Amino acid sequence: MTTEPGAVWETFAFACGNCGHTWKATFQLMFFTDPLDPTGQTTQEYVDEDGAAVRSPLTDAVCGTCGSRRVRVSAG
């Protein structure tokens, strides 16, 4: 895997507080600057291992086993 400019790879460990299922997932965190924004603020977007843009895994984790949103997330 090559890292594109303005991007970093992050791996998170997940643990379901409902059924106990645990898993890890790696995301590419990409940073964008809007050239038309006079303040030059940077926005970020998470991209999953399949290349799809996703919401932040820190706030939108769902257990793939039981569907619970009671998921604890930590740096993997």
Protein backbone atom coordinates (compact mmCIF):
# COMPACT_ATOMS: atom_id res chain seq x y z
CA MET A 1 0.00 0.00 0.00
CA THR A 2 1.28 3.40 -0.86
CA THR A 3 0.17 6.39 1.12
CA GLU A 4 -1.04 9.33 -0.90
CA PRO A 5 -0.05 12.85 0.13
CA GLY A 6 -2.34 14.19 2.81
CA ALA A 7 -3.38 10.73 4.02
CA VAL A 8 -2.51 8.46 6.95
CA TRP A 9 -3.53 4.90 7.78
CA GLU A 10 -5.12 4.17 11.17
CA THR A 11 -6.14 0.83 12.67
CA PHE A 12 -8.83 0.67 15.34
CA ALA A 13 -9.80 -2.15 17.70
CA PHE A 14 -13.53 -2.56 18.38
CA ALA A 15 -15.29 -4.39 21.21
CA CYS A 16 -19.05 -4.83 21.42
CA GLY A 17 -20.50 -4.07 24.84
CA ASN A 18 -23.56 -6.18 24.04
CA CYS A 19 -22.28 -9.55 22.72
CA GLY A 20 -18.51 -9.28 23.39
CA HIS A 21 -17.49 -9.60 19.72
CA THR A 22 -14.09 -8.00 18.96
CA TRP A 23 -12.55 -6.98 15.64
CA LYS A 24 -10.01 -4.65 14.03
CA ALA A 25 -10.34 -2.47 10.96
CA THR A 26 -7.94 -0.20 9.10
CA PHE A 27 -8.99 3.11 7.60
CA GLN A 28 -7.25 5.69 5.47
CA LEU A 29 -7.75 9.17 6.91
CA MET A 30 -7.58 11.66 4.05
CA PHE A 31 -7.17 15.42 4.44
CA PHE A 32 -8.57 17.91 1.96
CA THR A 33 -8.24 21.65 1.63
CA ASP A 34 -10.88 23.56 -0.31
CA PRO A 35 -8.96 25.84 -2.71
CA LEU A 36 -11.90 28.27 -2.69
CA ASP A 37 -11.96 28.56 1.12
CA PRO A 38 -10.10 31.78 2.04
CA THR A 39 -9.36 30.44 5.55
CA GLY A 40 -7.60 27.36 4.14
CA GLN A 41 -9.26 25.03 6.63
CA THR A 42 -8.68 21.32 6.16
CA THR A 43 -11.44 18.72 6.24
CA GLN A 44 -10.97 15.01 6.76
CA GLU A 45 -12.65 11.87 5.49
CA TYR A 46 -12.30 8.22 6.50
CA VAL A 47 -11.99 5.62 3.73
CA ASP A 48 -12.42 1.92 4.54
CA GLU A 49 -10.34 -0.99 3.26
CA ASP A 50 -12.66 -1.35 0.25
CA GLY A 51 -12.11 2.29 -0.77
CA ALA A 52 -15.54 3.54 0.30
CA ALA A 53 -15.92 6.82 2.19
CA VAL A 54 -17.40 6.16 5.64
CA ARG A 55 -18.42 8.12 8.71
CA SER A 56 -15.88 8.29 11.52
CA PRO A 57 -15.39 4.86 13.09
CA LEU A 58 -14.99 6.68 16.41
CA THR A 59 -18.62 7.80 16.40
CA ASP A 60 -20.43 5.41 14.03
CA ALA A 61 -19.28 1.90 14.99
CA VAL A 62 -21.84 -0.92 14.78
CA CYS A 63 -21.22 -4.54 15.77
CA GLY A 64 -21.29 -6.79 12.72
CA THR A 65 -22.44 -9.74 14.82
CA CYS A 66 -25.43 -8.39 16.79
CA GLY A 67 -25.98 -4.89 15.32
CA SER A 68 -25.46 -3.13 18.63
CA ARG A 69 -24.15 0.45 18.75
CA ARG A 70 -22.67 -0.17 22.24
CA VAL A 71 -19.19 -0.46 20.75
CA ARG A 72 -15.96 0.57 22.43
CA VAL A 73 -13.24 1.81 20.07
CA SER A 74 -9.50 2.11 20.75
CA ALA A 75 -6.36 2.63 18.70
CA GLY A 76 -5.37 -0.76 17.41
